[in-house]
């Protein structure tokens, strides 16, 4: 099972390894463009 990252900062240490990212309840008004570097992302 892929590790689910819950911190953008932590995920960006190795964006190529991120398969699952949860940024729920973060009060985001704009999409974090850093997510676009996570080419193996399966779940957002």
ModelCIF file with pLDDT and N, C-alpha, C, O atoms, coordinates in Angstrom:
data_MODEL
#
_entry.id   MODEL 
#
_entity.id                         1 
_entity.type                       polymer 
_entity.pdbx_number_of_molecules   1 
#
_entity_poly.entity_id                      1 
_entity_poly.type                           'polypeptide(L)' 
_entity_poly.nstd_linkage                   no 
_entity_poly.nstd_monomer                   no 
_entity_poly.pdbx_seq_one_letter_code       
;(UNK)(UNK)(UNK)(UNK)(UNK)(UNK)(UNK)(UNK)(UNK)(UNK)(UNK)(UNK)(UNK)(UNK)(UNK)(UNK)
(UNK)(UNK)(UNK)(UNK)(UNK)(UNK)(UNK)(UNK)(UNK)(UNK)(UNK)(UNK)(UNK)(UNK)(UNK)(UNK)
(UNK)(UNK)(UNK)(UNK)(UNK)(UNK)(UNK)(UNK)(UNK)(UNK)(UNK)(UNK)
;
_entity_poly.pdbx_seq_one_letter_code_can   XXXXXXXXXXXXXXXXXXXXXXXXXXXXXXXXXXXXXXXXXXXX 
_entity_poly.pdbx_strand_id                 A 
#
loop_
_entity_poly_seq.entity_id 
_entity_poly_seq.num 
_entity_poly_seq.mon_id 
_entity_poly_seq.hetero 
1 1  UNK n 
1 2  UNK n 
1 3  UNK n 
1 4  UNK n 
1 5  UNK n 
1 6  UNK n 
1 7  UNK n 
1 8  UNK n 
1 9  UNK n 
1 10 UNK n 
1 11 UNK n 
1 12 UNK n 
1 13 UNK n 
1 14 UNK n 
1 15 UNK n 
1 16 UNK n 
1 17 UNK n 
1 18 UNK n 
1 19 UNK n 
1 20 UNK n 
1 21 UNK n 
1 22 UNK n 
1 23 UNK n 
1 24 UNK n 
1 25 UNK n 
1 26 UNK n 
1 27 UNK n 
1 28 UNK n 
1 29 UNK n 
1 30 UNK n 
1 31 UNK n 
1 32 UNK n 
1 33 UNK n 
1 34 UNK n 
1 35 UNK n 
1 36 UNK n 
1 37 UNK n 
1 38 UNK n 
1 39 UNK n 
1 40 UNK n 
1 41 UNK n 
1 42 UNK n 
1 43 UNK n 
1 44 UNK n 
#
_struct_asym.id          A 
_struct_asym.entity_id   1 
#
loop_
_ma_qa_metric.id 
_ma_qa_metric.mode 
_ma_qa_metric.name 
_ma_qa_metric.software_group_id 
_ma_qa_metric.type 
1 global pLDDT . pLDDT 
2 local  pLDDT . pLDDT 
#
_ma_qa_metric_global.metric_id      1 
_ma_qa_metric_global.metric_value   96.61 
_ma_qa_metric_global.model_id       1 
_ma_qa_metric_global.ordinal_id     1 
#
loop_
_ma_qa_metric_local.label_asym_id 
_ma_qa_metric_local.label_comp_id 
_ma_qa_metric_local.label_seq_id 
_ma_qa_metric_local.metric_id 
_ma_qa_metric_local.metric_value 
_ma_qa_metric_local.model_id 
_ma_qa_metric_local.ordinal_id 
A UNK 1  2 69.00 1 1  
A UNK 2  2 79.00 1 2  
A UNK 3  2 94.00 1 3  
A UNK 4  2 97.00 1 4  
A UNK 5  2 98.00 1 5  
A UNK 6  2 98.00 1 6  
A UNK 7  2 97.00 1 7  
A UNK 8  2 98.00 1 8  
A UNK 9  2 97.00 1 9  
A UNK 10 2 98.00 1 10 
A UNK 11 2 98.00 1 11 
A UNK 12 2 98.00 1 12 
A UNK 13 2 98.00 1 13 
A UNK 14 2 97.00 1 14 
A UNK 15 2 98.00 1 15 
A UNK 16 2 97.00 1 16 
A UNK 17 2 97.00 1 17 
A UNK 18 2 98.00 1 18 
A UNK 19 2 98.00 1 19 
A UNK 20 2 98.00 1 20 
A UNK 21 2 98.00 1 21 
A UNK 22 2 98.00 1 22 
A UNK 23 2 98.00 1 23 
A UNK 24 2 98.00 1 24 
A UNK 25 2 97.00 1 25 
A UNK 26 2 97.00 1 26 
A UNK 27 2 97.00 1 27 
A UNK 28 2 98.00 1 28 
A UNK 29 2 98.00 1 29 
A UNK 30 2 98.00 1 30 
A UNK 31 2 98.00 1 31 
A UNK 32 2 98.00 1 32 
A UNK 33 2 98.00 1 33 
A UNK 34 2 98.00 1 34 
A UNK 35 2 98.00 1 35 
A UNK 36 2 98.00 1 36 
A UNK 37 2 98.00 1 37 
A UNK 38 2 98.00 1 38 
A UNK 39 2 98.00 1 39 
A UNK 40 2 98.00 1 40 
A UNK 41 2 98.00 1 41 
A UNK 42 2 98.00 1 42 
A UNK 43 2 98.00 1 43 
A UNK 44 2 98.00 1 44 
#
loop_
_atom_site.group_PDB 
_atom_site.id 
_atom_site.type_symbol 
_atom_site.label_atom_id 
_atom_site.label_alt_id 
_atom_site.label_comp_id 
_atom_site.label_asym_id 
_atom_site.label_entity_id 
_atom_site.label_seq_id 
_atom_site.pdbx_PDB_ins_code 
_atom_site.Cartn_x 
_atom_site.Cartn_y 
_atom_site.Cartn_z 
_atom_site.occupancy 
_atom_site.B_iso_or_equiv 
_atom_site.pdbx_formal_charge 
_atom_site.auth_seq_id 
_atom_site.auth_comp_id 
_atom_site.auth_asym_id 
_atom_site.auth_atom_id 
_atom_site.pdbx_PDB_model_num 
ATOM 1   N N  . UNK A 1 1  ? 0.847  -1.197 0.000   1.00 69.00 ? 1  UNK A N  1 
ATOM 2   C CA . UNK A 1 1  ? 0.000  0.000  0.000   1.00 69.00 ? 1  UNK A CA 1 
ATOM 3   C C  . UNK A 1 1  ? 0.879  1.242  0.000   1.00 69.00 ? 1  UNK A C  1 
ATOM 4   O O  . UNK A 1 1  ? 1.839  1.332  0.765   1.00 69.00 ? 1  UNK A O  1 
ATOM 5   N N  . UNK A 1 2  ? 0.547  2.198  -0.860  1.00 79.00 ? 2  UNK A N  1 
ATOM 6   C CA . UNK A 1 2  ? 1.373  3.404  -0.910  1.00 79.00 ? 2  UNK A CA 1 
ATOM 7   C C  . UNK A 1 2  ? 1.217  4.239  0.350   1.00 79.00 ? 2  UNK A C  1 
ATOM 8   O O  . UNK A 1 2  ? 0.140  4.300  0.943   1.00 79.00 ? 2  UNK A O  1 
ATOM 9   N N  . UNK A 1 3  ? 2.287  4.868  0.741   1.00 94.00 ? 3  UNK A N  1 
ATOM 10  C CA . UNK A 1 3  ? 2.255  5.786  1.871   1.00 94.00 ? 3  UNK A CA 1 
ATOM 11  C C  . UNK A 1 3  ? 1.435  6.998  1.459   1.00 94.00 ? 3  UNK A C  1 
ATOM 12  O O  . UNK A 1 3  ? 1.591  7.507  0.349   1.00 94.00 ? 3  UNK A O  1 
ATOM 13  N N  . UNK A 1 4  ? 0.571  7.457  2.336   1.00 97.00 ? 4  UNK A N  1 
ATOM 14  C CA . UNK A 1 4  ? -0.191 8.672  2.073   1.00 97.00 ? 4  UNK A CA 1 
ATOM 15  C C  . UNK A 1 4  ? 0.502  9.840  2.744   1.00 97.00 ? 4  UNK A C  1 
ATOM 16  O O  . UNK A 1 4  ? 0.621  9.885  3.969   1.00 97.00 ? 4  UNK A O  1 
ATOM 17  N N  . UNK A 1 5  ? 0.957  10.779 1.939   1.00 98.00 ? 5  UNK A N  1 
ATOM 18  C CA . UNK A 1 5  ? 1.582  11.989 2.465   1.00 98.00 ? 5  UNK A CA 1 
ATOM 19  C C  . UNK A 1 5  ? 0.489  12.974 2.861   1.00 98.00 ? 5  UNK A C  1 
ATOM 20  O O  . UNK A 1 5  ? -0.499 13.132 2.145   1.00 98.00 ? 5  UNK A O  1 
ATOM 21  N N  . UNK A 1 6  ? 0.667  13.635 3.999   1.00 98.00 ? 6  UNK A N  1 
ATOM 22  C CA . UNK A 1 6  ? -0.307 14.620 4.456   1.00 98.00 ? 6  UNK A CA 1 
ATOM 23  C C  . UNK A 1 6  ? 0.325  16.004 4.590   1.00 98.00 ? 6  UNK A C  1 
ATOM 24  O O  . UNK A 1 6  ? -0.288 16.932 5.118   1.00 98.00 ? 6  UNK A O  1 
ATOM 25  N N  . UNK A 1 7  ? 1.539  16.123 4.113   1.00 97.00 ? 7  UNK A N  1 
ATOM 26  C CA . UNK A 1 7  ? 2.255  17.394 4.151   1.00 97.00 ? 7  UNK A CA 1 
ATOM 27  C C  . UNK A 1 7  ? 2.894  17.624 2.790   1.00 97.00 ? 7  UNK A C  1 
ATOM 28  O O  . UNK A 1 7  ? 3.623  16.771 2.283   1.00 97.00 ? 7  UNK A O  1 
ATOM 29  N N  . UNK A 1 8  ? 2.618  18.774 2.208   1.00 98.00 ? 8  UNK A N  1 
ATOM 30  C CA . UNK A 1 8  ? 3.224  19.099 0.926   1.00 98.00 ? 8  UNK A CA 1 
ATOM 31  C C  . UNK A 1 8  ? 4.733  19.213 1.064   1.00 98.00 ? 8  UNK A C  1 
ATOM 32  O O  . UNK A 1 8  ? 5.480  18.791 0.181   1.00 98.00 ? 8  UNK A O  1 
ATOM 33  N N  . UNK A 1 9  ? 5.170  19.778 2.162   1.00 97.00 ? 9  UNK A N  1 
ATOM 34  C CA . UNK A 1 9  ? 6.616  19.921 2.411   1.00 97.00 ? 9  UNK A CA 1 
ATOM 35  C C  . UNK A 1 9  ? 7.305  18.557 2.447   1.00 97.00 ? 9  UNK A C  1 
ATOM 36  O O  . UNK A 1 9  ? 8.369  18.376 1.856   1.00 97.00 ? 9  UNK A O  1 
ATOM 37  N N  . UNK A 1 10 ? 6.698  17.615 3.135   1.00 98.00 ? 10 UNK A N  1 
ATOM 38  C CA . UNK A 1 10 ? 7.273  16.262 3.231   1.00 98.00 ? 10 UNK A CA 1 
ATOM 39  C C  . UNK A 1 10 ? 7.248  15.570 1.865   1.00 98.00 ? 10 UNK A C  1 
ATOM 40  O O  . UNK A 1 10 ? 8.220  14.920 1.478   1.00 98.00 ? 10 UNK A O  1 
ATOM 41  N N  . UNK A 1 11 ? 6.145  15.708 1.144   1.00 98.00 ? 11 UNK A N  1 
ATOM 42  C CA . UNK A 1 11 ? 6.016  15.078 -0.171  1.00 98.00 ? 11 UNK A CA 1 
ATOM 43  C C  . UNK A 1 11 ? 7.038  15.622 -1.167  1.00 98.00 ? 11 UNK A C  1 
ATOM 44  O O  . UNK A 1 11 ? 7.515  14.888 -2.031  1.00 98.00 ? 11 UNK A O  1 
ATOM 45  N N  . UNK A 1 12 ? 7.367  16.883 -1.050  1.00 98.00 ? 12 UNK A N  1 
ATOM 46  C CA . UNK A 1 12 ? 8.288  17.509 -2.006  1.00 98.00 ? 12 UNK A CA 1 
ATOM 47  C C  . UNK A 1 12 ? 9.745  17.108 -1.785  1.00 98.00 ? 12 UNK A C  1 
ATOM 48  O O  . UNK A 1 12 ? 10.608 17.439 -2.598  1.00 98.00 ? 12 UNK A O  1 
ATOM 49  N N  . UNK A 1 13 ? 10.023 16.405 -0.701  1.00 98.00 ? 13 UNK A N  1 
ATOM 50  C CA . UNK A 1 13 ? 11.392 15.911 -0.502  1.00 98.00 ? 13 UNK A CA 1 
ATOM 51  C C  . UNK A 1 13 ? 11.733 14.851 -1.551  1.00 98.00 ? 13 UNK A C  1 
ATOM 52  O O  . UNK A 1 13 ? 12.882 14.731 -1.974  1.00 98.00 ? 13 UNK A O  1 
ATOM 53  N N  . UNK A 1 14 ? 10.720 14.085 -1.963  1.00 97.00 ? 14 UNK A N  1 
ATOM 54  C CA . UNK A 1 14 ? 10.891 13.047 -2.980  1.00 97.00 ? 14 UNK A CA 1 
ATOM 55  C C  . UNK A 1 14 ? 9.614  12.981 -3.823  1.00 97.00 ? 14 UNK A C  1 
ATOM 56  O O  . UNK A 1 14 ? 8.880  11.998 -3.729  1.00 97.00 ? 14 UNK A O  1 
ATOM 57  N N  . UNK A 1 15 ? 9.328  13.996 -4.641  1.00 98.00 ? 15 UNK A N  1 
ATOM 58  C CA . UNK A 1 15 ? 8.059  14.030 -5.381  1.00 98.00 ? 15 UNK A CA 1 
ATOM 59  C C  . UNK A 1 15 ? 7.847  12.829 -6.308  1.00 98.00 ? 15 UNK A C  1 
ATOM 60  O O  . UNK A 1 15 ? 6.709  12.451 -6.586  1.00 98.00 ? 15 UNK A O  1 
ATOM 61  N N  . UNK A 1 16 ? 8.930  12.240 -6.778  1.00 97.00 ? 16 UNK A N  1 
ATOM 62  C CA . UNK A 1 16 ? 8.801  11.088 -7.681  1.00 97.00 ? 16 UNK A CA 1 
ATOM 63  C C  . UNK A 1 16 ? 8.302  9.841  -6.963  1.00 97.00 ? 16 UNK A C  1 
ATOM 64  O O  . UNK A 1 16 ? 7.861  8.896  -7.618  1.00 97.00 ? 16 UNK A O  1 
ATOM 65  N N  . UNK A 1 17 ? 8.359  9.813  -5.639  1.00 97.00 ? 17 UNK A N  1 
ATOM 66  C CA . UNK A 1 17 ? 7.913  8.657  -4.859  1.00 97.00 ? 17 UNK A CA 1 
ATOM 67  C C  . UNK A 1 17 ? 6.468  8.780  -4.375  1.00 97.00 ? 17 UNK A C  1 
ATOM 68  O O  . UNK A 1 17 ? 5.901  7.807  -3.879  1.00 97.00 ? 17 UNK A O  1 
ATOM 69  N N  . UNK A 1 18 ? 5.876  9.948  -4.510  1.00 98.00 ? 18 UNK A N  1 
ATOM 70  C CA . UNK A 1 18 ? 4.538  10.189 -3.968  1.00 98.00 ? 18 UNK A CA 1 
ATOM 71  C C  . UNK A 1 18 ? 3.479  9.538  -4.847  1.00 98.00 ? 18 UNK A C  1 
ATOM 72  O O  . UNK A 1 18 ? 3.357  9.850  -6.032  1.00 98.00 ? 18 UNK A O  1 
ATOM 73  N N  . UNK A 1 19 ? 2.715  8.631  -4.248  1.00 98.00 ? 19 UNK A N  1 
ATOM 74  C CA . UNK A 1 19 ? 1.607  7.975  -4.930  1.00 98.00 ? 19 UNK A CA 1 
ATOM 75  C C  . UNK A 1 19 ? 0.262  8.403  -4.360  1.00 98.00 ? 19 UNK A C  1 
ATOM 76  O O  . UNK A 1 19 ? -0.759 8.325  -5.042  1.00 98.00 ? 19 UNK A O  1 
ATOM 77  N N  . UNK A 1 20 ? 0.261  8.855  -3.112  1.00 98.00 ? 20 UNK A N  1 
ATOM 78  C CA . UNK A 1 20 ? -0.979 9.256  -2.450  1.00 98.00 ? 20 UNK A CA 1 
ATOM 79  C C  . UNK A 1 20 ? -0.717 10.517 -1.629  1.00 98.00 ? 20 UNK A C  1 
ATOM 80  O O  . UNK A 1 20 ? 0.203  10.562 -0.813  1.00 98.00 ? 20 UNK A O  1 
ATOM 81  N N  . UNK A 1 21 ? -1.545 11.542 -1.859  1.00 98.00 ? 21 UNK A N  1 
ATOM 82  C CA . UNK A 1 21 ? -1.377 12.823 -1.176  1.00 98.00 ? 21 UNK A CA 1 
ATOM 83  C C  . UNK A 1 21 ? -2.725 13.312 -0.671  1.00 98.00 ? 21 UNK A C  1 
ATOM 84  O O  . UNK A 1 21 ? -3.697 13.376 -1.424  1.00 98.00 ? 21 UNK A O  1 
ATOM 85  N N  . UNK A 1 22 ? -2.774 13.657 0.611   1.00 98.00 ? 22 UNK A N  1 
ATOM 86  C CA . UNK A 1 22 ? -3.975 14.221 1.217   1.00 98.00 ? 22 UNK A CA 1 
ATOM 87  C C  . UNK A 1 22 ? -3.654 15.598 1.770   1.00 98.00 ? 22 UNK A C  1 
ATOM 88  O O  . UNK A 1 22 ? -2.827 15.752 2.668   1.00 98.00 ? 22 UNK A O  1 
ATOM 89  N N  . UNK A 1 23 ? -4.326 16.589 1.213   1.00 98.00 ? 23 UNK A N  1 
ATOM 90  C CA . UNK A 1 23 ? -4.206 17.965 1.700   1.00 98.00 ? 23 UNK A CA 1 
ATOM 91  C C  . UNK A 1 23 ? -5.604 18.492 2.035   1.00 98.00 ? 23 UNK A C  1 
ATOM 92  O O  . UNK A 1 23 ? -5.957 19.619 1.688   1.00 98.00 ? 23 UNK A O  1 
ATOM 93  N N  . UNK A 1 24 ? -6.380 17.666 2.705   1.00 98.00 ? 24 UNK A N  1 
ATOM 94  C CA . UNK A 1 24 ? -7.730 18.047 3.122   1.00 98.00 ? 24 UNK A CA 1 
ATOM 95  C C  . UNK A 1 24 ? -7.648 19.008 4.310   1.00 98.00 ? 24 UNK A C  1 
ATOM 96  O O  . UNK A 1 24 ? -6.720 18.950 5.116   1.00 98.00 ? 24 UNK A O  1 
ATOM 97  N N  . UNK A 1 25 ? -8.650 19.896 4.395   1.00 97.00 ? 25 UNK A N  1 
ATOM 98  C CA . UNK A 1 25 ? -8.770 20.838 5.511   1.00 97.00 ? 25 UNK A CA 1 
ATOM 99  C C  . UNK A 1 25 ? -7.572 21.771 5.643   1.00 97.00 ? 25 UNK A C  1 
ATOM 100 O O  . UNK A 1 25 ? -7.213 22.153 6.757   1.00 97.00 ? 25 UNK A O  1 
ATOM 101 N N  . UNK A 1 26 ? -6.951 22.142 4.534   1.00 97.00 ? 26 UNK A N  1 
ATOM 102 C CA . UNK A 1 26 ? -5.769 23.007 4.562   1.00 97.00 ? 26 UNK A CA 1 
ATOM 103 C C  . UNK A 1 26 ? -6.086 24.466 4.228   1.00 97.00 ? 26 UNK A C  1 
ATOM 104 O O  . UNK A 1 26 ? -5.181 25.298 4.180   1.00 97.00 ? 26 UNK A O  1 
ATOM 105 N N  . UNK A 1 27 ? -7.350 24.778 4.000   1.00 97.00 ? 27 UNK A N  1 
ATOM 106 C CA . UNK A 1 27 ? -7.792 26.135 3.635   1.00 97.00 ? 27 UNK A CA 1 
ATOM 107 C C  . UNK A 1 27 ? -7.140 26.625 2.338   1.00 97.00 ? 27 UNK A C  1 
ATOM 108 O O  . UNK A 1 27 ? -6.885 27.818 2.170   1.00 97.00 ? 27 UNK A O  1 
ATOM 109 N N  . UNK A 1 28 ? -6.881 25.701 1.440   1.00 98.00 ? 28 UNK A N  1 
ATOM 110 C CA . UNK A 1 28 ? -6.257 26.056 0.161   1.00 98.00 ? 28 UNK A CA 1 
ATOM 111 C C  . UNK A 1 28 ? -7.231 26.855 -0.695  1.00 98.00 ? 28 UNK A C  1 
ATOM 112 O O  . UNK A 1 28 ? -8.381 26.455 -0.873  1.00 98.00 ? 28 UNK A O  1 
ATOM 113 N N  . UNK A 1 29 ? -6.773 27.972 -1.218  1.00 98.00 ? 29 UNK A N  1 
ATOM 114 C CA . UNK A 1 29 ? -7.569 28.784 -2.147  1.00 98.00 ? 29 UNK A CA 1 
ATOM 115 C C  . UNK A 1 29 ? -7.095 28.568 -3.586  1.00 98.00 ? 29 UNK A C  1 
ATOM 116 O O  . UNK A 1 29 ? -7.849 28.771 -4.539  1.00 98.00 ? 29 UNK A O  1 
ATOM 117 N N  . UNK A 1 30 ? -5.845 28.159 -3.724  1.00 98.00 ? 30 UNK A N  1 
ATOM 118 C CA . UNK A 1 30 ? -5.280 27.861 -5.041  1.00 98.00 ? 30 UNK A CA 1 
ATOM 119 C C  . UNK A 1 30 ? -4.612 26.492 -5.000  1.00 98.00 ? 30 UNK A C  1 
ATOM 120 O O  . UNK A 1 30 ? -4.150 26.034 -3.954  1.00 98.00 ? 30 UNK A O  1 
ATOM 121 N N  . UNK A 1 31 ? -4.574 25.869 -6.138  1.00 98.00 ? 31 UNK A N  1 
ATOM 122 C CA . UNK A 1 31 ? -3.962 24.555 -6.283  1.00 98.00 ? 31 UNK A CA 1 
ATOM 123 C C  . UNK A 1 31 ? -2.446 24.684 -6.153  1.00 98.00 ? 31 UNK A C  1 
ATOM 124 O O  . UNK A 1 31 ? -1.835 25.475 -6.872  1.00 98.00 ? 31 UNK A O  1 
ATOM 125 N N  . UNK A 1 32 ? -1.827 23.922 -5.249  1.00 98.00 ? 32 UNK A N  1 
ATOM 126 C CA . UNK A 1 32 ? -0.358 23.983 -5.122  1.00 98.00 ? 32 UNK A CA 1 
ATOM 127 C C  . UNK A 1 32 ? 0.308  23.392 -6.370  1.00 98.00 ? 32 UNK A C  1 
ATOM 128 O O  . UNK A 1 32 ? 0.201  22.193 -6.626  1.00 98.00 ? 32 UNK A O  1 
ATOM 129 N N  . UNK A 1 33 ? 0.981  24.221 -7.127  1.00 98.00 ? 33 UNK A N  1 
ATOM 130 C CA . UNK A 1 33 ? 1.609  23.788 -8.388  1.00 98.00 ? 33 UNK A CA 1 
ATOM 131 C C  . UNK A 1 33 ? 2.673  22.712 -8.165  1.00 98.00 ? 33 UNK A C  1 
ATOM 132 O O  . UNK A 1 33 ? 3.010  21.976 -9.093  1.00 98.00 ? 33 UNK A O  1 
ATOM 133 N N  . UNK A 1 34 ? 3.201  22.615 -6.951  1.00 98.00 ? 34 UNK A N  1 
ATOM 134 C CA . UNK A 1 34 ? 4.209  21.584 -6.646  1.00 98.00 ? 34 UNK A CA 1 
ATOM 135 C C  . UNK A 1 34 ? 3.660  20.183 -6.898  1.00 98.00 ? 34 UNK A C  1 
ATOM 136 O O  . UNK A 1 34 ? 4.414  19.264 -7.219  1.00 98.00 ? 34 UNK A O  1 
ATOM 137 N N  . UNK A 1 35 ? 2.360  20.024 -6.752  1.00 98.00 ? 35 UNK A N  1 
ATOM 138 C CA . UNK A 1 35 ? 1.739  18.706 -6.965  1.00 98.00 ? 35 UNK A CA 1 
ATOM 139 C C  . UNK A 1 35 ? 2.010  18.209 -8.384  1.00 98.00 ? 35 UNK A C  1 
ATOM 140 O O  . UNK A 1 35 ? 2.091  17.001 -8.609  1.00 98.00 ? 35 UNK A O  1 
ATOM 141 N N  . UNK A 1 36 ? 2.148  19.107 -9.320  1.00 98.00 ? 36 UNK A N  1 
ATOM 142 C CA . UNK A 1 36 ? 2.380  18.728 -10.721 1.00 98.00 ? 36 UNK A CA 1 
ATOM 143 C C  . UNK A 1 36 ? 3.717  18.025 -10.932 1.00 98.00 ? 36 UNK A C  1 
ATOM 144 O O  . UNK A 1 36 ? 3.934  17.423 -11.984 1.00 98.00 ? 36 UNK A O  1 
ATOM 145 N N  . UNK A 1 37 ? 4.614  18.088 -9.956  1.00 98.00 ? 37 UNK A N  1 
ATOM 146 C CA . UNK A 1 37 ? 5.902  17.397 -10.038 1.00 98.00 ? 37 UNK A CA 1 
ATOM 147 C C  . UNK A 1 37 ? 5.794  15.931 -9.609  1.00 98.00 ? 37 UNK A C  1 
ATOM 148 O O  . UNK A 1 37 ? 6.748  15.169 -9.772  1.00 98.00 ? 37 UNK A O  1 
ATOM 149 N N  . UNK A 1 38 ? 4.658  15.535 -9.071  1.00 98.00 ? 38 UNK A N  1 
ATOM 150 C CA . UNK A 1 38 ? 4.471  14.184 -8.531  1.00 98.00 ? 38 UNK A CA 1 
ATOM 151 C C  . UNK A 1 38 ? 3.931  13.269 -9.629  1.00 98.00 ? 38 UNK A C  1 
ATOM 152 O O  . UNK A 1 38 ? 2.743  12.947 -9.655  1.00 98.00 ? 38 UNK A O  1 
ATOM 153 N N  . UNK A 1 39 ? 4.805  12.864 -10.520 1.00 98.00 ? 39 UNK A N  1 
ATOM 154 C CA . UNK A 1 39 ? 4.411  12.123 -11.722 1.00 98.00 ? 39 UNK A CA 1 
ATOM 155 C C  . UNK A 1 39 ? 3.878  10.723 -11.447 1.00 98.00 ? 39 UNK A C  1 
ATOM 156 O O  . UNK A 1 39 ? 3.273  10.120 -12.334 1.00 98.00 ? 39 UNK A O  1 
ATOM 157 N N  . UNK A 1 40 ? 4.082  10.189 -10.247 1.00 98.00 ? 40 UNK A N  1 
ATOM 158 C CA . UNK A 1 40 ? 3.562  8.866  -9.905  1.00 98.00 ? 40 UNK A CA 1 
ATOM 159 C C  . UNK A 1 40 ? 2.330  8.940  -9.010  1.00 98.00 ? 40 UNK A C  1 
ATOM 160 O O  . UNK A 1 40 ? 1.897  7.929  -8.457  1.00 98.00 ? 40 UNK A O  1 
ATOM 161 N N  . UNK A 1 41 ? 1.778  10.121 -8.872  1.00 98.00 ? 41 UNK A N  1 
ATOM 162 C CA . UNK A 1 41 ? 0.615  10.326 -8.017  1.00 98.00 ? 41 UNK A CA 1 
ATOM 163 C C  . UNK A 1 41 ? -0.589 9.559  -8.552  1.00 98.00 ? 41 UNK A C  1 
ATOM 164 O O  . UNK A 1 41 ? -0.960 9.692  -9.718  1.00 98.00 ? 41 UNK A O  1 
ATOM 165 N N  . UNK A 1 42 ? -1.190 8.758  -7.683  1.00 98.00 ? 42 UNK A N  1 
ATOM 166 C CA . UNK A 1 42 ? -2.370 7.972  -8.045  1.00 98.00 ? 42 UNK A CA 1 
ATOM 167 C C  . UNK A 1 42 ? -3.622 8.454  -7.330  1.00 98.00 ? 42 UNK A C  1 
ATOM 168 O O  . UNK A 1 42 ? -4.724 8.383  -7.875  1.00 98.00 ? 42 UNK A O  1 
ATOM 169 N N  . UNK A 1 43 ? -3.449 8.943  -6.109  1.00 98.00 ? 43 UNK A N  1 
ATOM 170 C CA . UNK A 1 43 ? -4.597 9.379  -5.304  1.00 98.00 ? 43 UNK A CA 1 
ATOM 171 C C  . UNK A 1 43 ? -4.335 10.775 -4.762  1.00 98.00 ? 43 UNK A C  1 
ATOM 172 O O  . UNK A 1 43 ? -3.299 11.040 -4.152  1.00 98.00 ? 43 UNK A O  1 
ATOM 173 N N  . UNK A 1 44 ? -5.296 11.662 -4.998  1.00 98.00 ? 44 UNK A N  1 
ATOM 174 C CA . UNK A 1 44 ? -5.175 13.045 -4.563  1.00 98.00 ? 44 UNK A CA 1 
ATOM 175 C C  . UNK A 1 44 ? -6.438 13.441 -3.820  1.00 98.00 ? 44 UNK A C  1 
ATOM 176 O O  . UNK A 1 44 ? -6.554 14.577 -3.360  1.00 98.00 ? 44 UNK A O  1 
#
